[in-house]
Amino acid sequence: MTYAVTTVTVPKTGPGGQLVTAACPTGTFVIGGGASVSNEKAGLVNDSYPQAKTLWAADVFNNSFTTPLTATVTAICAPAAATAP
């Protein structure tokens, strides 16, 4: 099992939020994941879900004009052969 992690700065977002993704390395597929924000008073993770076979995605909102916010998305990845039926 491998973890792929992406951390980005999220500016003030509009009604659609910001999509943040973490990509599994070549030869692996996503089997789970999650997301978090650095300041829950300033922002939130609306949802977190698999997107395609190799990506974990999250919709993140920053509702503050003044508070910096980072979002971290983690994909849990497994070798492709281990995920085949």
N, C-alpha and C. Protein backbone atom coordinates (compact mmCIF):
# COMPACT_ATOMS: atom_id res chain seq x y z
N MET A 1 0.84 -1.16 0.00
CA MET A 1 0.00 0.00 0.00
C MET A 1 0.89 1.24 0.00
N THR A 2 0.42 2.27 -0.72
CA THR A 2 1.14 3.53 -0.84
C THR A 2 0.19 4.67 -0.56
N TYR A 3 0.71 5.75 0.01
CA TYR A 3 -0.10 6.94 0.23
C TYR A 3 0.41 8.05 -0.68
N ALA A 4 -0.50 8.69 -1.41
CA ALA A 4 -0.16 9.85 -2.24
C ALA A 4 -0.82 11.05 -1.57
N VAL A 5 -0.03 12.09 -1.29
CA VAL A 5 -0.54 13.24 -0.54
C VAL A 5 -0.31 14.51 -1.34
N THR A 6 -1.35 15.35 -1.40
CA THR A 6 -1.26 16.66 -2.03
C THR A 6 -1.73 17.70 -1.02
N THR A 7 -0.93 18.76 -0.82
CA THR A 7 -1.33 19.88 0.04
C THR A 7 -1.26 21.15 -0.79
N VAL A 8 -2.35 21.93 -0.77
CA VAL A 8 -2.41 23.16 -1.55
C VAL A 8 -2.99 24.29 -0.69
N THR A 9 -2.66 25.52 -1.07
CA THR A 9 -3.27 26.69 -0.45
C THR A 9 -4.59 26.95 -1.14
N VAL A 10 -5.63 27.19 -0.34
CA VAL A 10 -6.97 27.44 -0.89
C VAL A 10 -7.33 28.90 -0.63
N PRO A 11 -7.49 29.70 -1.70
CA PRO A 11 -7.90 31.09 -1.52
C PRO A 11 -9.39 31.15 -1.17
N LYS A 12 -9.89 32.33 -0.91
CA LYS A 12 -11.33 32.52 -0.70
C LYS A 12 -12.05 31.91 -1.90
N THR A 13 -13.00 31.01 -1.65
CA THR A 13 -13.67 30.31 -2.74
C THR A 13 -15.08 30.82 -2.94
N GLY A 14 -15.57 30.63 -4.16
CA GLY A 14 -16.94 30.98 -4.47
C GLY A 14 -17.87 29.82 -4.15
N PRO A 15 -19.07 29.82 -4.69
CA PRO A 15 -20.04 28.80 -4.35
C PRO A 15 -19.64 27.39 -4.80
N GLY A 16 -18.74 27.26 -5.75
CA GLY A 16 -18.33 25.94 -6.23
C GLY A 16 -17.17 25.32 -5.47
N GLY A 17 -16.51 26.09 -4.61
CA GLY A 17 -15.36 25.57 -3.89
C GLY A 17 -14.18 25.34 -4.81
N GLN A 18 -13.18 24.63 -4.30
CA GLN A 18 -12.00 24.29 -5.08
C GLN A 18 -11.79 22.80 -5.05
N LEU A 19 -11.58 22.20 -6.22
CA LEU A 19 -11.30 20.78 -6.33
C LEU A 19 -9.82 20.55 -6.07
N VAL A 20 -9.51 19.62 -5.16
CA VAL A 20 -8.13 19.25 -4.85
C VAL A 20 -8.03 17.74 -5.03
N THR A 21 -6.98 17.27 -5.72
CA THR A 21 -6.84 15.84 -5.96
C THR A 21 -5.45 15.34 -5.55
N ALA A 22 -5.40 14.04 -5.24
CA ALA A 22 -4.13 13.34 -5.01
C ALA A 22 -4.12 12.16 -5.98
N ALA A 23 -3.01 11.98 -6.69
CA ALA A 23 -2.90 10.95 -7.72
C ALA A 23 -2.02 9.80 -7.27
N CYS A 24 -2.51 8.59 -7.49
CA CYS A 24 -1.73 7.39 -7.19
C CYS A 24 -0.59 7.26 -8.19
N PRO A 25 0.53 6.67 -7.76
CA PRO A 25 1.63 6.45 -8.69
C PRO A 25 1.26 5.43 -9.77
N THR A 26 2.01 5.45 -10.85
CA THR A 26 1.80 4.51 -11.95
C THR A 26 1.82 3.08 -11.44
N GLY A 27 0.88 2.28 -11.93
CA GLY A 27 0.82 0.87 -11.55
C GLY A 27 -0.02 0.61 -10.31
N THR A 28 -0.65 1.68 -9.76
CA THR A 28 -1.51 1.52 -8.59
C THR A 28 -2.87 2.14 -8.85
N PHE A 29 -3.86 1.67 -8.11
CA PHE A 29 -5.21 2.22 -8.16
C PHE A 29 -5.60 2.71 -6.78
N VAL A 30 -6.47 3.71 -6.75
CA VAL A 30 -6.95 4.24 -5.47
C VAL A 30 -7.95 3.25 -4.84
N ILE A 31 -7.77 3.00 -3.55
CA ILE A 31 -8.71 2.13 -2.83
C ILE A 31 -9.38 2.86 -1.66
N GLY A 32 -8.98 4.10 -1.42
CA GLY A 32 -9.57 4.90 -0.35
C GLY A 32 -8.85 6.22 -0.26
N GLY A 33 -9.29 7.04 0.66
CA GLY A 33 -8.63 8.33 0.83
C GLY A 33 -9.38 9.22 1.79
N GLY A 34 -8.93 10.46 1.86
CA GLY A 34 -9.56 11.42 2.74
C GLY A 34 -9.02 12.80 2.50
N ALA A 35 -9.56 13.77 3.24
CA ALA A 35 -9.13 15.15 3.07
C ALA A 35 -9.32 15.91 4.38
N SER A 36 -8.52 16.97 4.54
CA SER A 36 -8.63 17.82 5.73
C SER A 36 -8.26 19.24 5.36
N VAL A 37 -8.65 20.19 6.22
CA VAL A 37 -8.25 21.58 6.08
C VAL A 37 -7.47 21.99 7.32
N SER A 38 -6.63 22.99 7.16
CA SER A 38 -5.76 23.41 8.26
C SER A 38 -6.48 24.21 9.33
N ASN A 39 -7.63 24.78 9.00
CA ASN A 39 -8.36 25.61 9.96
C ASN A 39 -9.85 25.39 9.75
N GLU A 40 -10.48 24.61 10.60
CA GLU A 40 -11.89 24.28 10.43
C GLU A 40 -12.82 25.45 10.72
N LYS A 41 -12.32 26.51 11.35
CA LYS A 41 -13.14 27.70 11.56
C LYS A 41 -13.22 28.55 10.30
N ALA A 42 -12.23 28.41 9.42
CA ALA A 42 -12.17 29.22 8.21
C ALA A 42 -12.66 28.48 6.98
N GLY A 43 -12.65 27.15 7.00
CA GLY A 43 -13.03 26.41 5.80
C GLY A 43 -13.50 25.01 6.13
N LEU A 44 -13.83 24.28 5.07
CA LEU A 44 -14.34 22.92 5.27
C LEU A 44 -14.12 22.06 4.04
N VAL A 45 -14.15 20.76 4.27
CA VAL A 45 -14.16 19.78 3.19
C VAL A 45 -15.63 19.40 2.99
N ASN A 46 -16.18 19.75 1.84
CA ASN A 46 -17.59 19.45 1.58
C ASN A 46 -17.81 17.97 1.30
N ASP A 47 -16.93 17.38 0.51
CA ASP A 47 -16.98 15.95 0.26
C ASP A 47 -15.63 15.45 -0.22
N SER A 48 -15.46 14.14 -0.16
CA SER A 48 -14.20 13.48 -0.49
C SER A 48 -14.57 12.16 -1.16
N TYR A 49 -13.96 11.88 -2.33
CA TYR A 49 -14.45 10.76 -3.13
C TYR A 49 -13.41 10.29 -4.15
N PRO A 50 -13.54 9.03 -4.63
CA PRO A 50 -12.65 8.59 -5.71
C PRO A 50 -13.05 9.27 -7.01
N GLN A 51 -12.06 9.64 -7.79
CA GLN A 51 -12.31 10.26 -9.10
C GLN A 51 -11.41 9.54 -10.09
N ALA A 52 -11.99 8.69 -10.90
CA ALA A 52 -11.26 7.81 -11.80
C ALA A 52 -10.56 6.73 -10.98
N LYS A 53 -9.81 5.87 -11.63
CA LYS A 53 -9.18 4.74 -10.95
C LYS A 53 -7.95 5.12 -10.14
N THR A 54 -7.38 6.29 -10.44
CA THR A 54 -6.11 6.63 -9.80
C THR A 54 -6.13 7.94 -9.01
N LEU A 55 -7.28 8.55 -8.83
CA LEU A 55 -7.35 9.84 -8.14
C LEU A 55 -8.31 9.80 -6.96
N TRP A 56 -7.94 10.50 -5.88
CA TRP A 56 -8.87 10.80 -4.80
C TRP A 56 -9.08 12.31 -4.83
N ALA A 57 -10.32 12.74 -4.72
CA ALA A 57 -10.66 14.16 -4.86
C ALA A 57 -11.42 14.67 -3.65
N ALA A 58 -11.37 15.99 -3.45
CA ALA A 58 -12.14 16.64 -2.40
C ALA A 58 -12.55 18.02 -2.88
N ASP A 59 -13.76 18.42 -2.50
CA ASP A 59 -14.24 19.77 -2.74
C ASP A 59 -14.05 20.56 -1.45
N VAL A 60 -13.23 21.60 -1.52
CA VAL A 60 -12.82 22.35 -0.34
C VAL A 60 -13.29 23.80 -0.46
N PHE A 61 -13.74 24.35 0.67
CA PHE A 61 -14.20 25.74 0.72
C PHE A 61 -13.39 26.51 1.74
N ASN A 62 -12.99 27.75 1.38
CA ASN A 62 -12.39 28.70 2.31
C ASN A 62 -13.36 29.86 2.40
N ASN A 63 -13.99 30.02 3.55
CA ASN A 63 -15.00 31.05 3.74
C ASN A 63 -14.46 32.33 4.36
N SER A 64 -13.17 32.42 4.54
CA SER A 64 -12.56 33.57 5.20
C SER A 64 -11.83 34.46 4.19
N PHE A 65 -11.96 35.76 4.36
CA PHE A 65 -11.21 36.69 3.51
C PHE A 65 -9.80 36.91 4.03
N THR A 66 -9.56 36.61 5.31
CA THR A 66 -8.28 36.96 5.91
C THR A 66 -7.47 35.78 6.42
N THR A 67 -8.08 34.62 6.61
CA THR A 67 -7.38 33.49 7.20
C THR A 67 -6.79 32.59 6.13
N PRO A 68 -5.48 32.38 6.15
CA PRO A 68 -4.87 31.43 5.21
C PRO A 68 -5.40 30.02 5.49
N LEU A 69 -5.54 29.25 4.46
CA LEU A 69 -6.08 27.90 4.61
C LEU A 69 -5.34 26.96 3.66
N THR A 70 -4.94 25.82 4.16
CA THR A 70 -4.40 24.79 3.29
C THR A 70 -5.31 23.56 3.38
N ALA A 71 -5.35 22.82 2.29
CA ALA A 71 -6.11 21.58 2.24
C ALA A 71 -5.16 20.46 1.89
N THR A 72 -5.34 19.32 2.55
CA THR A 72 -4.53 18.14 2.27
C THR A 72 -5.45 17.01 1.86
N VAL A 73 -5.14 16.40 0.72
CA VAL A 73 -5.88 15.25 0.21
C VAL A 73 -4.93 14.07 0.16
N THR A 74 -5.39 12.93 0.68
CA THR A 74 -4.57 11.71 0.72
C THR A 74 -5.30 10.60 -0.04
N ALA A 75 -4.60 9.99 -0.97
CA ALA A 75 -5.11 8.81 -1.68
C ALA A 75 -4.40 7.59 -1.15
N ILE A 76 -5.16 6.55 -0.84
CA ILE A 76 -4.58 5.27 -0.44
C ILE A 76 -4.55 4.42 -1.70
N CYS A 77 -3.37 3.96 -2.07
CA CYS A 77 -3.18 3.29 -3.36
C CYS A 77 -2.66 1.86 -3.15
N ALA A 78 -3.12 0.96 -4.01
CA ALA A 78 -2.67 -0.43 -3.97
C ALA A 78 -2.23 -0.85 -5.36
N PRO A 79 -1.30 -1.81 -5.45
CA PRO A 79 -0.89 -2.29 -6.77
C PRO A 79 -2.09 -2.74 -7.59
N ALA A 80 -2.07 -2.43 -8.88
CA ALA A 80 -3.20 -2.73 -9.76
C ALA A 80 -3.57 -4.20 -9.71
N ALA A 81 -2.61 -5.11 -9.66
CA ALA A 81 -2.90 -6.53 -9.63
C ALA A 81 -3.68 -6.93 -8.36
N ALA A 82 -3.45 -6.23 -7.26
CA ALA A 82 -4.12 -6.54 -6.00
C ALA A 82 -5.57 -6.08 -5.99
N THR A 83 -5.95 -5.18 -6.91
CA THR A 83 -7.31 -4.67 -6.94
C THR A 83 -8.18 -5.35 -7.99
N ALA A 84 -7.59 -6.22 -8.81
CA ALA A 84 -8.36 -6.91 -9.86
C ALA A 84 -9.27 -7.96 -9.26
N PRO A 85 -10.47 -8.17 -9.84
CA PRO A 85 -11.38 -9.18 -9.32
C PRO A 85 -10.88 -10.59 -9.52
